[in-house]
Amino acid sequence: MFESEKKEFLDSLKDFVKGLSDKISENDEWTVKGFIDIFKNIYTVSGDTKVISKILELQLFPYLKDFAVSSRKYWIQNRIGKISELVS
């Protein structure tokens, strides 16, 4: 990958990451407060890192996937354009 492409991707990723906090919190409060089981018992979220990482994974995965797909499409189109220029 060319250095300019790496920098462009990193800048794009940094911009994308800035918007992720809106996906997991509102007014500096987590949007997930706990879990409800099939018996309607409510459990608060603990500080266990495995629990927190799973919550973040479930909440953020769709956004990360969309970013990856859109970035890949962009880079493929960009790469084809550069290859076309070299061949011409």
PDB file of N, CA and C in Angstrom:
ATOM      1  N   MET A   1       0.855  -1.171   0.000  1.00  0.00           N
ATOM      2  CA  MET A   1       0.000   0.000   0.000  1.00  0.00           C
ATOM      3  C   MET A   1       0.898   1.229   0.000  1.00  0.00           C
ATOM      4  N   PHE A   2       0.557   2.224  -0.738  1.00  0.00           N
ATOM      5  CA  PHE A   2       1.331   3.455  -0.788  1.00  0.00           C
ATOM      6  C   PHE A   2       1.164   4.225   0.515  1.00  0.00           C
ATOM      7  N   GLU A   3       2.185   4.993   0.863  1.00  0.00           N
ATOM      8  CA  GLU A   3       2.156   5.760   2.116  1.00  0.00           C
ATOM      9  C   GLU A   3       0.976   6.727   2.148  1.00  0.00           C
ATOM     10  N   SER A   4       0.674   7.376   1.033  1.00  0.00           N
ATOM     11  CA  SER A   4      -0.452   8.322   1.012  1.00  0.00           C
ATOM     12  C   SER A   4      -1.783   7.594   1.247  1.00  0.00           C
ATOM     13  N   GLU A   5      -1.897   6.358   0.731  1.00  0.00           N
ATOM     14  CA  GLU A   5      -3.113   5.576   0.954  1.00  0.00           C
ATOM     15  C   GLU A   5      -3.233   5.167   2.416  1.00  0.00           C
ATOM     16  N   LYS A   6      -2.107   4.800   3.029  1.00  0.00           N
ATOM     17  CA  LYS A   6      -2.116   4.440   4.447  1.00  0.00           C
ATOM     18  C   LYS A   6      -2.580   5.618   5.291  1.00  0.00           C
ATOM     19  N   LYS A   7      -2.032   6.790   4.996  1.00  0.00           N
ATOM     20  CA  LYS A   7      -2.396   7.986   5.760  1.00  0.00           C
ATOM     21  C   LYS A   7      -3.878   8.321   5.557  1.00  0.00           C
ATOM     22  N   GLU A   8      -4.333   8.228   4.328  1.00  0.00           N
ATOM     23  CA  GLU A   8      -5.733   8.521   4.024  1.00  0.00           C
ATOM     24  C   GLU A   8      -6.666   7.554   4.759  1.00  0.00           C
ATOM     25  N   PHE A   9      -6.294   6.272   4.765  1.00  0.00           N
ATOM     26  CA  PHE A   9      -7.106   5.284   5.474  1.00  0.00           C
ATOM     27  C   PHE A   9      -7.101   5.557   6.972  1.00  0.00           C
ATOM     28  N   LEU A  10      -5.934   5.846   7.538  1.00  0.00           N
ATOM     29  CA  LEU A  10      -5.829   6.134   8.971  1.00  0.00           C
ATOM     30  C   LEU A  10      -6.658   7.355   9.342  1.00  0.00           C
ATOM     31  N   ASP A  11      -6.615   8.392   8.537  1.00  0.00           N
ATOM     32  CA  ASP A  11      -7.431   9.584   8.790  1.00  0.00           C
ATOM     33  C   ASP A  11      -8.918   9.250   8.741  1.00  0.00           C
ATOM     34  N   SER A  12      -9.300   8.435   7.764  1.00  0.00           N
ATOM     35  CA  SER A  12     -10.695   8.018   7.627  1.00  0.00           C
ATOM     36  C   SER A  12     -11.132   7.194   8.839  1.00  0.00           C
ATOM     37  N   LEU A  13     -10.267   6.286   9.280  1.00  0.00           N
ATOM     38  CA  LEU A  13     -10.565   5.458  10.448  1.00  0.00           C
ATOM     39  C   LEU A  13     -10.697   6.310  11.710  1.00  0.00           C
ATOM     40  N   LYS A  14      -9.812   7.276  11.892  1.00  0.00           N
ATOM     41  CA  LYS A  14      -9.877   8.165  13.057  1.00  0.00           C
ATOM     42  C   LYS A  14     -11.176   8.957  13.076  1.00  0.00           C
ATOM     43  N   ASP A  15     -11.592   9.464  11.911  1.00  0.00           N
ATOM     44  CA  ASP A  15     -12.868  10.184  11.828  1.00  0.00           C
ATOM     45  C   ASP A  15     -14.038   9.268  12.167  1.00  0.00           C
ATOM     46  N   PHE A  16     -13.982   8.050  11.666  1.00  0.00           N
ATOM     47  CA  PHE A  16     -15.036   7.075  11.927  1.00  0.00           C
ATOM     48  C   PHE A  16     -15.131   6.766  13.424  1.00  0.00           C
ATOM     49  N   VAL A  17     -13.990   6.542  14.059  1.00  0.00           N
ATOM     50  CA  VAL A  17     -13.955   6.177  15.485  1.00  0.00           C
ATOM     51  C   VAL A  17     -14.525   7.286  16.358  1.00  0.00           C
ATOM     52  N   LYS A  18     -14.320   8.546  15.963  1.00  0.00           N
ATOM     53  CA  LYS A  18     -14.846   9.671  16.745  1.00  0.00           C
ATOM     54  C   LYS A  18     -16.362   9.585  16.901  1.00  0.00           C
ATOM     55  N   GLY A  19     -17.039   9.038  15.913  1.00  0.00           N
ATOM     56  CA  GLY A  19     -18.497   8.949  15.952  1.00  0.00           C
ATOM     57  C   GLY A  19     -19.039   7.722  16.672  1.00  0.00           C
ATOM     58  N   LEU A  20     -18.175   6.813  17.080  1.00  0.00           N
ATOM     59  CA  LEU A  20     -18.653   5.579  17.705  1.00  0.00           C
ATOM     60  C   LEU A  20     -19.240   5.794  19.101  1.00  0.00           C
ATOM     61  N   SER A  21     -18.759   6.784  19.818  1.00  0.00           N
ATOM     62  CA  SER A  21     -19.280   6.991  21.179  1.00  0.00           C
ATOM     63  C   SER A  21     -20.777   7.287  21.152  1.00  0.00           C
ATOM     64  N   ASP A  22     -21.254   7.904  20.084  1.00  0.00           N
ATOM     65  CA  ASP A  22     -22.694   8.168  19.952  1.00  0.00           C
ATOM     66  C   ASP A  22     -23.501   6.888  19.799  1.00  0.00           C
ATOM     67  N   LYS A  23     -22.840   5.812  19.401  1.00  0.00           N
ATOM     68  CA  LYS A  23     -23.533   4.539  19.197  1.00  0.00           C
ATOM     69  C   LYS A  23     -23.699   3.754  20.498  1.00  0.00           C
ATOM     70  N   ILE A  24     -22.898   4.086  21.512  1.00  0.00           N
ATOM     71  CA  ILE A  24     -22.939   3.322  22.762  1.00  0.00           C
ATOM     72  C   ILE A  24     -23.348   4.155  23.973  1.00  0.00           C
ATOM     73  N   SER A  25     -23.467   5.463  23.785  1.00  0.00           N
ATOM     74  CA  SER A  25     -23.834   6.310  24.925  1.00  0.00           C
ATOM     75  C   SER A  25     -24.681   7.490  24.465  1.00  0.00           C
ATOM     76  N   GLU A  26     -25.376   8.048  25.430  1.00  0.00           N
ATOM     77  CA  GLU A  26     -26.184   9.232  25.182  1.00  0.00           C
ATOM     78  C   GLU A  26     -26.058  10.112  26.414  1.00  0.00           C
ATOM     79  N   ASN A  27     -25.696  11.348  26.229  1.00  0.00           N
ATOM     80  CA  ASN A  27     -25.460  12.272  27.357  1.00  0.00           C
ATOM     81  C   ASN A  27     -24.474  11.677  28.366  1.00  0.00           C
ATOM     82  N   ASP A  28     -23.395  11.099  27.860  1.00  0.00           N
ATOM     83  CA  ASP A  28     -22.348  10.482  28.689  1.00  0.00           C
ATOM     84  C   ASP A  28     -22.857   9.339  29.566  1.00  0.00           C
ATOM     85  N   GLU A  29     -23.943   8.709  29.174  1.00  0.00           N
ATOM     86  CA  GLU A  29     -24.494   7.545  29.874  1.00  0.00           C
ATOM     87  C   GLU A  29     -24.546   6.380  28.882  1.00  0.00           C
ATOM     88  N   TRP A  30     -24.150   5.200  29.343  1.00  0.00           N
ATOM     89  CA  TRP A  30     -24.240   4.027  28.488  1.00  0.00           C
ATOM     90  C   TRP A  30     -25.686   3.789  28.068  1.00  0.00           C
ATOM     91  N   THR A  31     -25.893   3.365  26.835  1.00  0.00           N
ATOM     92  CA  THR A  31     -27.253   3.054  26.392  1.00  0.00           C
ATOM     93  C   THR A  31     -27.705   1.691  26.908  1.00  0.00           C
ATOM     94  N   VAL A  32     -26.760   0.806  27.205  1.00  0.00           N
ATOM     95  CA  VAL A  32     -27.098  -0.492  27.792  1.00  0.00           C
ATOM     96  C   VAL A  32     -26.933  -0.368  29.304  1.00  0.00           C
ATOM     97  N   LYS A  33     -28.000  -0.667  30.017  1.00  0.00           N
ATOM     98  CA  LYS A  33     -27.966  -0.564  31.479  1.00  0.00           C
ATOM     99  C   LYS A  33     -27.907  -1.927  32.147  1.00  0.00           C
ATOM    100  N   GLY A  34     -28.277  -2.972  31.415  1.00  0.00           N
ATOM    101  CA  GLY A  34     -28.270  -4.296  32.013  1.00  0.00           C
ATOM    102  C   GLY A  34     -28.823  -5.333  31.062  1.00  0.00           C
ATOM    103  N   PHE A  35     -29.179  -6.460  31.638  1.00  0.00           N
ATOM    104  CA  PHE A  35     -29.701  -7.587  30.877  1.00  0.00           C
ATOM    105  C   PHE A  35     -31.018  -8.039  31.486  1.00  0.00           C
ATOM    106  N   ILE A  36     -31.876  -8.591  30.658  1.00  0.00           N
ATOM    107  CA  ILE A  36     -33.139  -9.159  31.123  1.00  0.00           C
ATOM    108  C   ILE A  36     -33.172 -10.611  30.662  1.00  0.00           C
ATOM    109  N   ASP A  37     -33.441 -11.525  31.587  1.00  0.00           N
ATOM    110  CA  ASP A  37     -33.510 -12.936  31.198  1.00  0.00           C
ATOM    111  C   ASP A  37     -34.951 -13.309  30.824  1.00  0.00           C
ATOM    112  N   ILE A  38     -35.171 -14.554  30.461  1.00  0.00           N
ATOM    113  CA  ILE A  38     -36.502 -14.978  30.001  1.00  0.00           C
ATOM    114  C   ILE A  38     -37.552 -14.928  31.114  1.00  0.00           C
ATOM    115  N   PHE A  39     -37.091 -14.867  32.364  1.00  0.00           N
ATOM    116  CA  PHE A  39     -38.012 -14.779  33.504  1.00  0.00           C
ATOM    117  C   PHE A  39     -38.250 -13.330  33.919  1.00  0.00           C
ATOM    118  N   LYS A  40     -37.742 -12.404  33.099  1.00  0.00           N
ATOM    119  CA  LYS A  40     -37.869 -10.965  33.313  1.00  0.00           C
ATOM    120  C   LYS A  40     -37.104 -10.463  34.534  1.00  0.00           C
ATOM    121  N   ASN A  41     -36.063 -11.204  34.916  1.00  0.00           N
ATOM    122  CA  ASN A  41     -35.154 -10.720  35.948  1.00  0.00           C
ATOM    123  C   ASN A  41     -34.192  -9.731  35.296  1.00  0.00           C
ATOM    124  N   ILE A  42     -33.906  -8.649  35.985  1.00  0.00           N
ATOM    125  CA  ILE A  42     -33.026  -7.613  35.453  1.00  0.00           C
ATOM    126  C   ILE A  42     -31.683  -7.679  36.184  1.00  0.00           C
ATOM    127  N   TYR A  43     -30.614  -7.670  35.392  1.00  0.00           N
ATOM    128  CA  TYR A  43     -29.261  -7.703  35.931  1.00  0.00           C
ATOM    129  C   TYR A  43     -28.509  -6.473  35.419  1.00  0.00           C
ATOM    130  N   THR A  44     -27.866  -5.750  36.315  1.00  0.00           N
ATOM    131  CA  THR A  44     -27.092  -4.585  35.884  1.00  0.00           C
ATOM    132  C   THR A  44     -25.778  -5.050  35.255  1.00  0.00           C
ATOM    133  N   VAL A  45     -25.195  -4.179  34.462  1.00  0.00           N
ATOM    134  CA  VAL A  45     -23.919  -4.476  33.827  1.00  0.00           C
ATOM    135  C   VAL A  45     -22.828  -4.382  34.884  1.00  0.00           C
ATOM    136  N   SER A  46     -21.997  -5.402  34.948  1.00  0.00           N
ATOM    137  CA  SER A  46     -20.892  -5.396  35.906  1.00  0.00           C
ATOM    138  C   SER A  46     -19.661  -4.754  35.259  1.00  0.00           C
ATOM    139  N   GLY A  47     -18.605  -4.643  36.022  1.00  0.00           N
ATOM    140  CA  GLY A  47     -17.359  -4.105  35.502  1.00  0.00           C
ATOM    141  C   GLY A  47     -16.478  -5.156  34.867  1.00  0.00           C
ATOM    142  N   ASP A  48     -17.000  -6.364  34.724  1.00  0.00           N
ATOM    143  CA  ASP A  48     -16.243  -7.459  34.126  1.00  0.00           C
ATOM    144  C   ASP A  48     -15.886  -7.106  32.687  1.00  0.00           C
ATOM    145  N   THR A  49     -14.616  -7.153  32.366  1.00  0.00           N
ATOM    146  CA  THR A  49     -14.181  -6.752  31.029  1.00  0.00           C
ATOM    147  C   THR A  49     -14.738  -7.643  29.926  1.00  0.00           C
ATOM    148  N   LYS A  50     -14.980  -8.918  30.231  1.00  0.00           N
ATOM    149  CA  LYS A  50     -15.563  -9.803  29.214  1.00  0.00           C
ATOM    150  C   LYS A  50     -16.988  -9.378  28.884  1.00  0.00           C
ATOM    151  N   VAL A  51     -17.733  -8.987  29.906  1.00  0.00           N
ATOM    152  CA  VAL A  51     -19.114  -8.532  29.698  1.00  0.00           C
ATOM    153  C   VAL A  51     -19.108  -7.226  28.910  1.00  0.00           C
ATOM    154  N   ILE A  52     -18.274  -6.307  29.330  1.00  0.00           N
ATOM    155  CA  ILE A  52     -18.210  -5.007  28.653  1.00  0.00           C
ATOM    156  C   ILE A  52     -17.760  -5.174  27.205  1.00  0.00           C
ATOM    157  N   SER A  53     -16.754  -6.004  26.974  1.00  0.00           N
ATOM    158  CA  SER A  53     -16.275  -6.180  25.602  1.00  0.00           C
ATOM    159  C   SER A  53     -17.343  -6.821  24.721  1.00  0.00           C
ATOM    160  N   LYS A  54     -18.130  -7.729  25.268  1.00  0.00           N
ATOM    161  CA  LYS A  54     -19.203  -8.360  24.493  1.00  0.00           C
ATOM    162  C   LYS A  54     -20.292  -7.340  24.155  1.00  0.00           C
ATOM    163  N   ILE A  55     -20.626  -6.490  25.108  1.00  0.00           N
ATOM    164  CA  ILE A  55     -21.626  -5.443  24.841  1.00  0.00           C
ATOM    165  C   ILE A  55     -21.132  -4.528  23.729  1.00  0.00           C
ATOM    166  N   LEU A  56     -19.881  -4.083  23.841  1.00  0.00           N
ATOM    167  CA  LEU A  56     -19.319  -3.206  22.817  1.00  0.00           C
ATOM    168  C   LEU A  56     -19.285  -3.909  21.458  1.00  0.00           C
ATOM    169  N   GLU A  57     -18.912  -5.168  21.462  1.00  0.00           N
ATOM    170  CA  GLU A  57     -18.878  -5.936  20.220  1.00  0.00           C
ATOM    171  C   GLU A  57     -20.261  -5.987  19.576  1.00  0.00           C
ATOM    172  N   LEU A  58     -21.271  -6.298  20.363  1.00  0.00           N
ATOM    173  CA  LEU A  58     -22.632  -6.400  19.818  1.00  0.00           C
ATOM    174  C   LEU A  58     -23.145  -5.058  19.313  1.00  0.00           C
ATOM    175  N   GLN A  59     -22.821  -3.995  20.039  1.00  0.00           N
ATOM    176  CA  GLN A  59     -23.300  -2.678  19.633  1.00  0.00           C
ATOM    177  C   GLN A  59     -22.538  -2.112  18.440  1.00  0.00           C
ATOM    178  N   LEU A  60     -21.244  -2.342  18.378  1.00  0.00           N
ATOM    179  CA  LEU A  60     -20.420  -1.675  17.378  1.00  0.00           C
ATOM    180  C   LEU A  60     -20.144  -2.487  16.122  1.00  0.00           C
ATOM    181  N   PHE A  61     -20.298  -3.801  16.193  1.00  0.00           N
ATOM    182  CA  PHE A  61     -19.973  -4.639  15.037  1.00  0.00           C
ATOM    183  C   PHE A  61     -20.655  -4.189  13.748  1.00  0.00           C
ATOM    184  N   PRO A  62     -21.949  -3.896  13.749  1.00  0.00           N
ATOM    185  CA  PRO A  62     -22.577  -3.483  12.484  1.00  0.00           C
ATOM    186  C   PRO A  62     -21.937  -2.224  11.892  1.00  0.00           C
ATOM    187  N   TYR A  63     -21.537  -1.280  12.741  1.00  0.00           N
ATOM    188  CA  TYR A  63     -20.913  -0.050  12.260  1.00  0.00           C
ATOM    189  C   TYR A  63     -19.503  -0.320  11.732  1.00  0.00           C
ATOM    190  N   LEU A  64     -18.760  -1.180  12.432  1.00  0.00           N
ATOM    191  CA  LEU A  64     -17.416  -1.545  11.979  1.00  0.00           C
ATOM    192  C   LEU A  64     -17.479  -2.285  10.645  1.00  0.00           C
ATOM    193  N   LYS A  65     -18.466  -3.153  10.521  1.00  0.00           N
ATOM    194  CA  LYS A  65     -18.637  -3.894   9.268  1.00  0.00           C
ATOM    195  C   LYS A  65     -18.950  -2.939   8.118  1.00  0.00           C
ATOM    196  N   ASP A  66     -19.861  -2.002   8.342  1.00  0.00           N
ATOM    197  CA  ASP A  66     -20.194  -1.014   7.305  1.00  0.00           C
ATOM    198  C   ASP A  66     -18.974  -0.200   6.899  1.00  0.00           C
ATOM    199  N   PHE A  67     -18.176   0.195   7.893  1.00  0.00           N
ATOM    200  CA  PHE A  67     -16.961   0.952   7.594  1.00  0.00           C
ATOM    201  C   PHE A  67     -16.004   0.113   6.753  1.00  0.00           C
ATOM    202  N   ALA A  68     -15.831  -1.143   7.135  1.00  0.00           N
ATOM    203  CA  ALA A  68     -14.919  -2.024   6.401  1.00  0.00           C
ATOM    204  C   ALA A  68     -15.382  -2.211   4.960  1.00  0.00           C
ATOM    205  N   VAL A  69     -16.674  -2.432   4.772  1.00  0.00           N
ATOM    206  CA  VAL A  69     -17.208  -2.633   3.421  1.00  0.00           C
ATOM    207  C   VAL A  69     -17.039  -1.365   2.587  1.00  0.00           C
ATOM    208  N   SER A  70     -17.408  -0.222   3.144  1.00  0.00           N
ATOM    209  CA  SER A  70     -17.295   1.019   2.376  1.00  0.00           C
ATOM    210  C   SER A  70     -15.832   1.367   2.102  1.00  0.00           C
ATOM    211  N   SER A  71     -14.946   1.106   3.066  1.00  0.00           N
ATOM    212  CA  SER A  71     -13.518   1.373   2.848  1.00  0.00           C
ATOM    213  C   SER A  71     -12.960   0.468   1.767  1.00  0.00           C
ATOM    214  N   ARG A  72     -13.361  -0.790   1.808  1.00  0.00           N
ATOM    215  CA  ARG A  72     -12.861  -1.739   0.801  1.00  0.00           C
ATOM    216  C   ARG A  72     -13.312  -1.328  -0.595  1.00  0.00           C
ATOM    217  N   LYS A  73     -14.592  -0.941  -0.721  1.00  0.00           N
ATOM    218  CA  LYS A  73     -15.090  -0.501  -2.027  1.00  0.00           C
ATOM    219  C   LYS A  73     -14.304   0.715  -2.506  1.00  0.00           C
ATOM    220  N   TYR A  74     -14.065   1.656  -1.593  1.00  0.00           N
ATOM    221  CA  TYR A  74     -13.330   2.859  -1.956  1.00  0.00           C
ATOM    222  C   TYR A  74     -11.919   2.511  -2.412  1.00  0.00           C
ATOM    223  N   TRP A  75     -11.228   1.659  -1.640  1.00  0.00           N
ATOM    224  CA  TRP A  75      -9.844   1.328  -1.964  1.00  0.00           C
ATOM    225  C   TRP A  75      -9.751   0.515  -3.254  1.00  0.00           C
ATOM    226  N   ILE A  76     -10.716  -0.355  -3.495  1.00  0.00           N
ATOM    227  CA  ILE A  76     -10.711  -1.120  -4.747  1.00  0.00           C
ATOM    228  C   ILE A  76     -10.904  -0.175  -5.927  1.00  0.00           C
ATOM    229  N   GLN A  77     -11.871   0.721  -5.820  1.00  0.00           N
ATOM    230  CA  GLN A  77     -12.114   1.674  -6.900  1.00  0.00           C
ATOM    231  C   GLN A  77     -10.900   2.576  -7.107  1.00  0.00           C
ATOM    232  N   ASN A  78     -10.307   3.023  -6.020  1.00  0.00           N
ATOM    233  CA  ASN A  78      -9.139   3.889  -6.086  1.00  0.00           C
ATOM    234  C   ASN A  78      -7.966   3.154  -6.732  1.00  0.00           C
ATOM    235  N   ARG A  79      -7.764   1.903  -6.329  1.00  0.00           N
ATOM    236  CA  ARG A  79      -6.657   1.091  -6.854  1.00  0.00           C
ATOM    237  C   ARG A  79      -6.858   0.838  -8.348  1.00  0.00           C
ATOM    238  N   ILE A  80      -8.083   0.524  -8.759  1.00  0.00           N
ATOM    239  CA  ILE A  80      -8.361   0.281 -10.183  1.00  0.00           C
ATOM    240  C   ILE A  80      -8.080   1.545 -10.984  1.00  0.00           C
ATOM    241  N   GLY A  81      -8.450   2.681 -10.425  1.00  0.00           N
ATOM    242  CA  GLY A  81      -8.172   3.957 -11.096  1.00  0.00           C
ATOM    243  C   GLY A  81      -6.686   4.180 -11.275  1.00  0.00           C
ATOM    244  N   LYS A  82      -5.894   3.881 -10.247  1.00  0.00           N
ATOM    245  CA  LYS A  82      -4.436   4.071 -10.336  1.00  0.00           C
ATOM    246  C   LYS A  82      -3.826   3.078 -11.307  1.00  0.00           C
ATOM    247  N   ILE A  83      -4.312   1.848 -11.318  1.00  0.00           N
ATOM    248  CA  ILE A  83      -3.802   0.841 -12.252  1.00  0.00           C
ATOM    249  C   ILE A  83      -4.134   1.268 -13.688  1.00  0.00           C
ATOM    250  N   SER A  84      -5.354   1.757 -13.889  1.00  0.00           N
ATOM    251  CA  SER A  84      -5.760   2.218 -15.226  1.00  0.00           C
ATOM    252  C   SER A  84      -4.856   3.342 -15.721  1.00  0.00           C
ATOM    253  N   GLU A  85      -4.499   4.237 -14.796  1.00  0.00           N
ATOM    254  CA  GLU A  85      -3.617   5.345 -15.177  1.00  0.00           C
ATOM    255  C   GLU A  85      -2.236   4.823 -15.577  1.00  0.00           C
ATOM    256  N   LEU A  86      -1.741   3.818 -14.865  1.00  0.00           N
ATOM    257  CA  LEU A  86      -0.419   3.259 -15.176  1.00  0.00           C
ATOM    258  C   LEU A  86      -0.412   2.533 -16.508  1.00  0.00           C
ATOM    259  N   VAL A  87      -1.517   1.851 -16.804  1.00  0.00           N
ATOM    260  CA  VAL A  87      -1.610   1.058 -18.023  1.00  0.00           C
ATOM    261  C   VAL A  87      -1.774   1.964 -19.245  1.00  0.00           C
ATOM    262  N   SER A  88      -2.472   3.067 -19.073  1.00  0.00           N
ATOM    263  CA  SER A  88      -2.746   3.964 -20.212  1.00  0.00           C
ATOM    264  C   SER A  88      -1.517   4.637 -20.754  1.00  0.00           C
TER     265      SER A  88
END
